[in-house]
Amino acid sequence: MISTLSLQHVSLRGSLTILGSNRSKFRAYCSLRSIAPVIVTVMSCLVGAYGQVCPDPVPQTSGTHRFRQVGESFSIPISLADCHPVALELRWSNGRNNGSLFVVTFWDINHRAIFTKQISGFMIGSSHFALATLEPQRWLGSRSLISFPSTVTIETVRPFAFPASISYLVTRVSGHTHRTYEELDDTVVLNLRTAPGKLLVNGESRSIPETGESLRYGLEEVTLHEPRALDRNGKRAVVESAFRLTLTGGQSLSRAGMIWVDDVALPAFSLGHSQGIATLIYDRSVLRDGAEISVSNLDGSGMSSVAERLRLPESHRAKVPPSTEEGNEIVAIHSAVRLVGATRQALVQIELQTTRMFPPRDTPLQLQIGRRFFLNELSGDPGGRKLTVTLTPEIYAELKEGAEIVAYYNKPDRSGFAGKDIWHFGRLRKSIQ
């Protein structure tokens, strides 16, 4: 019997299908214009970390993705429950005059790049990765244990010619031993604040226009004594290390409550006598080379930016897919009118929907769009699965196209530690009506 599960990605417009052991013969009639065989030294992932037993029959993953533009990417899951992935097969076909370039990247369970390669191809072709027979490799620059592939992404780069598509099949067998990890808790987090770390980059000291102070940032990787589990977008993940971002050199830092990496808000803690603050990051996708580093009060006011942009070492510059959550989506953006007596007030409403219910709490649910926070502008349904933010046209116009939308309880902690208190809704697309 064949069971299917489709995972829809709004930003990628693709789908995945999980097939039982009696799967039909894999056939692909597609038009991808850039893939050639590559040798990847990767092995099966530590899927037991998710705490799920491999189903019977063993599920296989197959599907087809159609690319529409340069810079578009999609992910293929390799890890699934406690199953052992043995092979990844890619197939494509192209017209005689078509051609494109693609980047294929394998990621480990902590969203760190294990292997990446630019590939190209013409006409009909295929590529087969025998995952079970290859030797595992240490992730470059890591002092942790051996890294295993958890997902693979394929991204379009220039030159690109529309249309292009690729079919894929991940074959798995049963055989991994179940393994569990203790939760990442406050005690471990407190120890990581002062634990020794490996310095990755030490920024230059430059004055910031807002205050005239010279701020310096530093980025360290701190290895945990043992891997810990945490909730990431409704799913369990395992972390082996954290990144500690530190800012020093200014008196105003003692009043700051948050550190920002572009539009990602991170709770800050004091370094005491050194007149500095720091934050811990467990989600690798937060760190983007060239990102703007800023500080602010807890409510987002008093924003000031460090003069120097974030510079990541070469070993950490591989593009990591941003955090996403299946089932969360922007349903609609539309105009509305509020009547107050004889006065008509024009409004814009953004409607959001989630499959992971907002639970009842003693603290209010809040929404972050880019660097703006919203509380009193929110309304929802009794079932806790819909959220609407009502804005004036002026405020809506100030929101940037592509700004990340996040709902949260307590505080806007995007470090990866907040877990079930964070809902990711992707990026704002003002074209939605």
Protein backbone atom coordinates (compact mmCIF):
# COMPACT_ATOMS: atom_id res chain seq x y z
CA MET A 1 0.00 0.00 0.00
CA ILE A 2 1.31 3.45 -0.88
CA SER A 3 0.98 6.33 1.55
CA THR A 4 1.68 9.91 0.51
CA LEU A 5 2.55 13.09 2.37
CA SER A 6 2.85 16.39 0.51
CA LEU A 7 4.84 19.19 2.14
CA GLN A 8 4.03 22.49 0.44
CA HIS A 9 6.55 25.34 0.60
CA VAL A 10 4.91 28.69 -0.21
CA SER A 11 8.16 30.41 -1.11
CA LEU A 12 9.40 27.55 -3.28
CA ARG A 13 6.11 26.39 -4.78
CA GLY A 14 7.29 22.79 -4.67
CA SER A 15 6.14 19.53 -3.11
CA LEU A 16 7.57 16.35 -1.65
CA THR A 17 5.96 12.93 -1.72
CA ILE A 18 6.80 10.17 0.76
CA LEU A 19 6.32 6.71 -0.68
CA GLY A 20 6.11 3.27 1.00
CA SER A 21 8.44 0.37 0.27
CA ASN A 22 6.29 -0.83 -2.64
CA ARG A 23 7.14 2.35 -4.56
CA SER A 24 6.66 2.49 -8.30
CA LYS A 25 9.61 2.71 -10.61
CA PHE A 26 11.12 6.19 -10.45
CA ARG A 27 10.63 8.01 -13.74
CA ALA A 28 11.47 11.63 -14.42
CA TYR A 29 10.53 13.68 -17.43
CA CYS A 30 11.76 17.15 -16.55
CA SER A 31 13.83 20.00 -17.88
CA LEU A 32 16.70 21.00 -15.67
CA ARG A 33 19.56 22.72 -17.37
CA SER A 34 22.45 22.37 -15.04
CA ILE A 35 23.61 19.30 -13.25
CA ALA A 36 26.58 17.04 -13.87
CA PRO A 37 27.71 14.06 -11.78
CA VAL A 38 29.59 15.07 -8.65
CA ILE A 39 31.35 13.08 -5.98
CA VAL A 40 30.15 13.98 -2.50
CA THR A 41 31.76 12.52 0.59
CA VAL A 42 28.71 12.29 2.79
CA MET A 43 26.92 9.62 4.79
CA SER A 44 23.59 9.01 6.48
CA CYS A 45 22.43 11.54 9.10
CA LEU A 46 21.83 11.17 12.80
CA VAL A 47 18.10 11.04 12.35
CA GLY A 48 17.60 9.30 15.67
CA ALA A 49 18.10 12.71 17.25
CA TYR A 50 14.53 13.56 16.32
CA GLY A 51 13.31 10.81 18.63
CA GLN A 52 11.14 9.03 16.03
CA VAL A 53 11.17 5.34 15.11
CA CYS A 54 11.57 4.47 11.44
CA PRO A 55 8.10 3.52 10.09
CA ASP A 56 7.26 0.21 8.46
CA PRO A 57 7.23 0.24 5.45
CA VAL A 58 10.28 2.47 5.26
CA PRO A 59 9.30 5.80 3.62
CA GLN A 60 11.05 7.07 0.52
CA THR A 61 11.03 10.70 -0.65
CA SER A 62 10.43 11.66 -4.27
CA GLY A 63 9.15 14.66 -6.19
CA THR A 64 9.77 17.24 -8.89
CA HIS A 65 10.61 20.92 -8.52
CA ARG A 66 10.18 23.51 -11.27
CA PHE A 67 12.45 26.57 -11.08
CA ARG A 68 11.19 29.97 -12.21
CA GLN A 69 13.97 32.46 -11.47
CA VAL A 70 17.60 33.02 -10.52
CA GLY A 71 18.24 32.66 -6.77
CA GLU A 72 15.33 30.27 -6.21
CA SER A 73 16.13 27.19 -4.14
CA PHE A 74 14.38 24.20 -2.65
CA SER A 75 15.31 21.59 -0.05
CA ILE A 76 15.18 17.80 -0.20
CA PRO A 77 15.03 16.10 3.23
CA ILE A 78 17.52 13.27 3.63
CA SER A 79 16.95 12.55 7.31
CA LEU A 80 13.55 11.14 8.25
CA ALA A 81 12.78 9.63 11.66
CA ASP A 82 15.19 6.79 12.56
CA CYS A 83 15.63 5.62 8.98
CA HIS A 84 18.93 5.06 7.16
CA PRO A 85 19.24 6.97 3.84
CA VAL A 86 21.26 4.96 1.31
CA ALA A 87 20.98 6.89 -1.97
CA LEU A 88 19.91 10.16 -3.61
CA GLU A 89 19.08 10.14 -7.33
CA LEU A 90 18.57 13.26 -9.47
CA ARG A 91 17.23 13.21 -13.04
CA TRP A 92 16.72 15.96 -15.64
CA SER A 93 16.39 16.68 -19.36
CA ASN A 94 16.96 19.88 -21.34
CA GLY A 95 16.37 21.33 -24.76
CA ARG A 96 19.35 21.51 -27.07
CA ASN A 97 19.83 25.27 -26.62
CA ASN A 98 18.97 25.48 -22.93
CA GLY A 99 21.49 25.68 -20.12
CA SER A 100 21.77 26.93 -16.56
CA LEU A 101 24.00 26.75 -13.52
CA PHE A 102 22.92 25.30 -10.18
CA VAL A 103 24.51 25.00 -6.75
CA VAL A 104 23.95 21.76 -4.81
CA THR A 105 24.66 21.92 -1.07
CA PHE A 106 24.47 19.21 1.60
CA TRP A 107 23.65 20.43 5.16
CA ASP A 108 24.03 18.71 8.51
CA ILE A 109 21.38 18.64 11.24
CA ASN A 110 22.63 22.00 12.62
CA HIS A 111 22.28 23.75 9.22
CA ARG A 112 26.02 23.77 8.55
CA ALA A 113 27.28 23.14 5.03
CA ILE A 114 29.10 19.82 4.61
CA PHE A 115 29.64 20.03 0.86
CA THR A 116 28.71 22.46 -1.90
CA LYS A 117 29.39 22.41 -5.62
CA GLN A 118 28.32 24.33 -8.71
CA ILE A 119 27.08 22.00 -11.44
CA SER A 120 25.81 22.32 -15.00
CA GLY A 121 24.44 20.07 -17.72
CA PHE A 122 22.66 19.75 -21.05
CA MET A 123 20.27 17.21 -22.61
CA ILE A 124 19.12 14.15 -20.60
CA GLY A 125 21.13 13.13 -17.55
CA SER A 126 21.13 11.84 -14.01
CA SER A 127 23.28 11.85 -10.91
CA HIS A 128 23.39 9.12 -8.25
CA PHE A 129 24.76 9.61 -4.70
CA ALA A 130 25.39 6.34 -2.84
CA LEU A 131 25.10 7.77 0.68
CA ALA A 132 25.51 4.49 2.56
CA THR A 133 28.85 3.48 1.05
CA LEU A 134 30.82 6.68 1.46
CA GLU A 135 33.02 7.64 4.38
CA PRO A 136 31.76 10.32 6.81
CA GLN A 137 33.66 13.59 6.93
CA ARG A 138 34.24 16.21 9.62
CA TRP A 139 32.68 19.57 8.88
CA LEU A 140 35.44 22.04 8.00
CA GLY A 141 36.37 24.25 10.95
CA SER A 142 34.33 22.22 13.43
CA ARG A 143 35.71 20.72 16.62
CA SER A 144 32.56 18.67 17.11
CA LEU A 145 31.79 15.12 16.06
CA ILE A 146 31.44 13.91 12.51
CA SER A 147 28.77 15.71 10.48
CA PHE A 148 26.13 13.86 8.48
CA PRO A 149 23.80 15.22 5.77
CA SER A 150 20.29 16.10 6.92
CA THR A 151 19.05 17.98 3.85
CA VAL A 152 20.27 18.94 0.41
CA THR A 153 19.39 22.21 -1.34
CA ILE A 154 19.53 23.08 -5.02
CA GLU A 155 19.70 26.77 -5.99
CA THR A 156 19.69 28.51 -9.36
CA VAL A 157 22.52 30.91 -10.23
CA ARG A 158 23.37 32.83 -13.37
CA PRO A 159 23.11 32.02 -16.21
CA PHE A 160 19.54 30.73 -15.96
CA ALA A 161 16.94 29.98 -18.62
CA PHE A 162 13.26 29.30 -17.83
CA PRO A 163 11.84 26.69 -17.41
CA ALA A 164 14.04 24.25 -15.49
CA SER A 165 12.96 21.32 -13.34
CA ILE A 166 14.48 18.36 -11.53
CA SER A 167 13.11 15.07 -10.21
CA TYR A 168 14.61 13.35 -7.20
CA LEU A 169 14.36 10.16 -5.15
CA VAL A 170 15.80 9.50 -1.68
CA THR A 171 15.99 5.79 -0.83
CA ARG A 172 16.03 4.71 2.82
CA VAL A 173 16.19 1.50 4.84
CA SER A 174 15.59 0.76 8.50
CA GLY A 175 18.56 0.21 10.77
CA HIS A 176 19.48 3.13 13.03
CA THR A 177 19.56 2.79 16.79
CA HIS A 178 17.25 5.18 18.60
CA ARG A 179 19.09 7.92 20.46
CA THR A 180 17.72 10.67 22.67
CA TYR A 181 19.27 13.87 23.95
CA GLU A 182 18.56 16.01 26.98
CA GLU A 183 16.87 19.34 26.41
CA LEU A 184 18.84 22.55 26.07
CA ASP A 185 17.85 24.25 29.33
CA ASP A 186 18.53 27.48 31.20
CA THR A 187 21.42 25.94 33.16
CA VAL A 188 23.32 25.02 30.00
CA VAL A 189 22.56 28.42 28.44
CA LEU A 190 23.88 30.21 31.53
CA ASN A 191 27.14 28.23 31.36
CA LEU A 192 27.54 29.05 27.66
CA ARG A 193 27.64 32.76 28.49
CA THR A 194 31.09 32.43 30.04
CA ALA A 195 32.37 29.16 28.55
CA PRO A 196 35.57 29.37 26.46
CA GLY A 197 34.95 29.58 22.74
CA LYS A 198 36.78 29.58 19.42
CA LEU A 199 37.16 33.11 18.02
CA LEU A 200 35.84 33.25 14.45
CA VAL A 201 36.09 36.98 13.75
CA ASN A 202 37.07 40.11 15.66
CA GLY A 203 35.56 43.25 14.12
CA GLU A 204 37.31 46.59 13.88
CA SER A 205 36.47 49.44 16.24
CA ARG A 206 34.62 52.24 14.41
CA SER A 207 32.48 55.13 15.58
CA ILE A 208 28.71 54.95 15.05
CA PRO A 209 26.99 58.16 13.88
CA GLU A 210 24.12 58.05 16.39
CA THR A 211 26.26 58.18 19.55
CA GLY A 212 29.84 58.79 18.44
CA GLU A 213 30.95 55.70 20.36
CA SER A 214 33.40 53.18 18.92
CA LEU A 215 31.93 49.70 19.10
CA ARG A 216 33.69 46.44 18.39
CA TYR A 217 31.99 43.12 17.76
CA GLY A 218 33.35 39.61 18.14
CA LEU A 219 31.95 36.23 17.09
CA GLU A 220 32.88 32.98 18.83
CA GLU A 221 31.76 29.37 18.44
CA VAL A 222 31.19 27.65 21.79
CA THR A 223 31.03 23.85 21.77
CA LEU A 224 28.59 22.16 24.15
CA HIS A 225 29.95 19.42 26.40
CA GLU A 226 27.39 17.11 24.82
CA PRO A 227 24.69 17.59 22.14
CA ARG A 228 21.37 18.96 23.35
CA ALA A 229 17.88 18.88 21.87
CA LEU A 230 15.65 21.90 21.31
CA ASP A 231 12.39 22.71 19.56
CA ARG A 232 12.84 24.38 16.19
CA ASN A 233 9.66 25.44 14.39
CA GLY A 234 7.60 22.69 15.97
CA LYS A 235 10.22 19.97 15.33
CA ARG A 236 13.04 18.59 17.46
CA ALA A 237 16.60 19.47 16.47
CA VAL A 238 20.01 18.81 18.00
CA VAL A 239 22.70 21.43 18.66
CA GLU A 240 26.36 20.69 19.27
CA SER A 241 27.57 24.28 19.48
CA ALA A 242 26.35 27.86 19.85
CA PHE A 243 27.60 31.16 18.47
CA ARG A 244 28.31 34.00 20.91
CA LEU A 245 28.09 37.49 19.40
CA THR A 246 29.69 40.13 21.64
CA LEU A 247 29.61 43.96 21.47
CA THR A 248 32.02 46.08 23.53
CA GLY A 249 33.30 49.63 23.72
CA GLY A 250 30.37 51.88 24.58
CA GLN A 251 28.61 53.13 27.70
CA SER A 252 25.25 53.02 25.92
CA LEU A 253 25.46 49.24 25.63
CA SER A 254 24.60 48.92 29.32
CA ARG A 255 21.08 50.16 28.50
CA ALA A 256 20.55 47.95 25.44
CA GLY A 257 18.22 44.97 25.71
CA MET A 258 18.50 43.44 22.24
CA ILE A 259 21.14 42.76 19.60
CA TRP A 260 19.98 42.68 15.98
CA VAL A 261 21.47 40.82 12.98
CA ASP A 262 19.66 42.53 10.09
CA ASP A 263 15.98 42.12 11.13
CA VAL A 264 16.60 39.23 13.53
CA ALA A 265 16.08 40.29 17.17
CA LEU A 266 18.18 38.53 19.83
CA PRO A 267 17.99 38.99 23.62
CA ALA A 268 21.18 40.48 25.05
CA PHE A 269 22.89 39.82 28.40
CA SER A 270 25.46 41.98 30.17
CA LEU A 271 29.17 41.21 30.28
CA GLY A 272 29.53 43.13 33.54
CA HIS A 273 32.70 45.12 34.07
CA SER A 274 33.71 45.05 30.39
CA GLN A 275 30.94 47.51 29.42
CA GLY A 276 29.63 45.15 26.82
CA ILE A 277 26.73 42.88 25.94
CA ALA A 278 26.42 39.56 24.15
CA THR A 279 23.86 37.12 22.78
CA LEU A 280 23.85 33.37 22.09
CA ILE A 281 22.72 32.03 18.70
CA TYR A 282 21.70 28.40 18.09
CA ASP A 283 20.14 28.85 14.65
CA ARG A 284 22.95 29.00 12.07
CA SER A 285 20.72 30.71 9.47
CA VAL A 286 20.71 33.89 11.61
CA LEU A 287 24.38 34.55 10.75
CA ARG A 288 24.63 36.07 7.28
CA ASP A 289 27.83 37.48 5.84
CA GLY A 290 27.46 41.24 5.39
CA ALA A 291 24.54 41.53 7.83
CA GLU A 292 24.00 44.78 9.74
CA ILE A 293 24.59 44.53 13.51
CA SER A 294 22.46 46.83 15.68
CA VAL A 295 21.41 47.32 19.29
CA SER A 296 18.15 48.62 20.74
CA ASN A 297 15.94 48.72 23.81
CA LEU A 298 13.60 45.79 24.46
CA ASP A 299 10.74 47.53 22.64
CA GLY A 300 12.89 48.20 19.58
CA SER A 301 13.40 51.90 20.32
CA GLY A 302 16.77 53.60 20.55
CA MET A 303 18.10 51.66 17.56
CA SER A 304 21.76 52.21 16.61
CA SER A 305 23.95 50.20 14.25
CA VAL A 306 27.58 49.13 14.41
CA ALA A 307 29.60 50.79 11.66
CA GLU A 308 31.15 47.53 10.42
CA ARG A 309 29.06 44.79 8.86
CA LEU A 310 29.27 41.18 10.02
CA ARG A 311 32.20 39.38 8.37
CA LEU A 312 32.04 35.60 8.54
CA PRO A 313 35.10 33.39 8.00
CA GLU A 314 35.22 31.52 4.70
CA SER A 315 34.29 28.23 6.38
CA HIS A 316 30.98 29.74 7.63
CA ARG A 317 29.89 31.67 4.53
CA ALA A 318 27.85 28.91 2.92
CA LYS A 319 24.26 30.11 2.51
CA VAL A 320 22.00 28.52 5.13
CA PRO A 321 18.27 28.32 4.39
CA PRO A 322 16.30 30.63 6.72
CA SER A 323 14.05 29.14 9.37
CA THR A 324 10.65 28.21 7.99
CA GLU A 325 7.64 26.40 9.41
CA GLU A 326 5.33 24.24 7.37
CA GLY A 327 1.67 25.18 7.73
CA ASN A 328 2.28 28.87 8.52
CA GLU A 329 1.27 31.23 5.74
CA ILE A 330 0.14 34.72 4.80
CA VAL A 331 -3.47 34.17 3.73
CA ALA A 332 -4.31 37.65 2.41
CA ILE A 333 -3.44 41.34 2.45
CA HIS A 334 -6.38 43.62 1.74
CA SER A 335 -7.78 47.11 2.29
CA ALA A 336 -10.40 47.79 4.95
CA VAL A 337 -12.36 50.73 6.35
CA ARG A 338 -13.16 51.63 9.95
CA LEU A 339 -16.20 53.84 10.58
CA VAL A 340 -16.00 56.06 13.66
CA GLY A 341 -19.16 58.16 13.62
CA ALA A 342 -19.18 59.89 10.29
CA THR A 343 -15.42 59.43 9.82
CA ARG A 344 -14.03 56.78 7.50
CA GLN A 345 -10.53 55.57 8.30
CA ALA A 346 -8.63 53.61 5.63
CA LEU A 347 -6.77 50.51 6.90
CA VAL A 348 -4.67 47.61 5.63
CA GLN A 349 -5.10 44.13 7.12
CA ILE A 350 -2.60 41.25 6.93
CA GLU A 351 -4.20 37.87 7.64
CA LEU A 352 -2.02 34.99 8.88
CA GLN A 353 -2.84 31.34 9.46
CA THR A 354 -1.05 28.52 11.32
CA THR A 355 -1.55 24.80 11.83
CA ARG A 356 0.33 25.03 15.16
CA MET A 357 -2.24 26.66 17.43
CA PHE A 358 -1.43 29.75 19.48
CA PRO A 359 -2.00 28.39 23.02
CA PRO A 360 -3.70 30.42 25.78
CA ARG A 361 -1.07 32.30 27.81
CA ASP A 362 -0.91 34.88 30.58
CA THR A 363 1.32 36.98 28.31
CA PRO A 364 -0.01 38.53 25.08
CA LEU A 365 0.86 37.27 21.61
CA GLN A 366 2.85 39.80 19.60
CA LEU A 367 3.94 40.16 15.98
CA GLN A 368 7.21 41.34 14.46
CA ILE A 369 7.45 42.50 10.84
CA GLY A 370 10.98 43.53 9.95
CA ARG A 371 12.01 45.81 12.82
CA ARG A 372 8.49 46.84 13.83
CA PHE A 373 6.56 45.25 16.72
CA PHE A 374 2.76 45.06 16.93
CA LEU A 375 0.55 44.27 19.93
CA ASN A 376 -2.63 46.36 20.12
CA GLU A 377 -3.10 46.04 16.36
CA LEU A 378 -3.64 42.25 16.58
CA SER A 379 -6.84 40.19 16.59
CA GLY A 380 -7.48 36.46 16.27
CA ASP A 381 -10.05 33.68 16.19
CA PRO A 382 -11.20 31.56 19.19
CA GLY A 383 -9.49 28.49 17.70
CA GLY A 384 -6.08 30.12 17.97
CA ARG A 385 -5.07 29.42 14.36
CA LYS A 386 -5.68 32.79 12.71
CA LEU A 387 -4.05 36.14 13.35
CA THR A 388 -4.84 39.51 11.77
CA VAL A 389 -2.80 42.70 12.09
CA THR A 390 -4.60 45.94 11.20
CA LEU A 391 -2.40 48.87 10.11
CA THR A 392 -2.77 52.37 8.77
CA PRO A 393 -1.71 52.78 5.12
CA GLU A 394 1.21 54.93 6.30
CA ILE A 395 2.62 52.23 8.60
CA TYR A 396 2.05 49.55 5.98
CA ALA A 397 3.96 51.63 3.41
CA GLU A 398 6.92 51.83 5.81
CA LEU A 399 7.19 48.02 5.99
CA LYS A 400 9.85 46.71 3.64
CA GLU A 401 9.07 44.20 0.92
CA GLY A 402 10.56 40.87 2.00
CA ALA A 403 10.54 41.72 5.73
CA GLU A 404 10.36 38.60 7.91
CA ILE A 405 7.10 38.02 9.82
CA VAL A 406 7.30 36.33 13.22
CA ALA A 407 4.70 35.85 15.96
CA TYR A 408 5.95 35.30 19.50
CA TYR A 409 5.21 35.17 23.20
CA ASN A 410 7.30 36.85 25.92
CA LYS A 411 10.10 38.36 23.80
CA PRO A 412 11.28 38.31 20.16
CA ASP A 413 13.97 35.66 20.69
CA ARG A 414 15.12 34.48 17.25
CA SER A 415 18.23 32.71 18.58
CA GLY A 416 16.64 29.27 18.23
CA PHE A 417 16.18 28.78 21.98
CA ALA A 418 12.60 30.11 22.24
CA GLY A 419 11.26 27.01 20.45
CA LYS A 420 7.49 26.70 20.79
CA ASP A 421 7.10 30.41 21.60
CA ILE A 422 8.06 31.44 18.04
CA TRP A 423 6.03 31.13 14.80
CA HIS A 424 7.71 31.88 11.45
CA PHE A 425 5.46 33.11 8.63
CA GLY A 426 8.07 33.76 5.96
CA ARG A 427 8.57 37.10 4.24
CA LEU A 428 6.15 39.92 3.49
CA ARG A 429 4.98 39.95 -0.11
CA LYS A 430 3.00 43.10 -0.72
CA SER A 431 1.67 41.72 -4.00
CA ILE A 432 -0.64 39.31 -2.09
CA GLN A 433 -4.27 40.47 -2.21
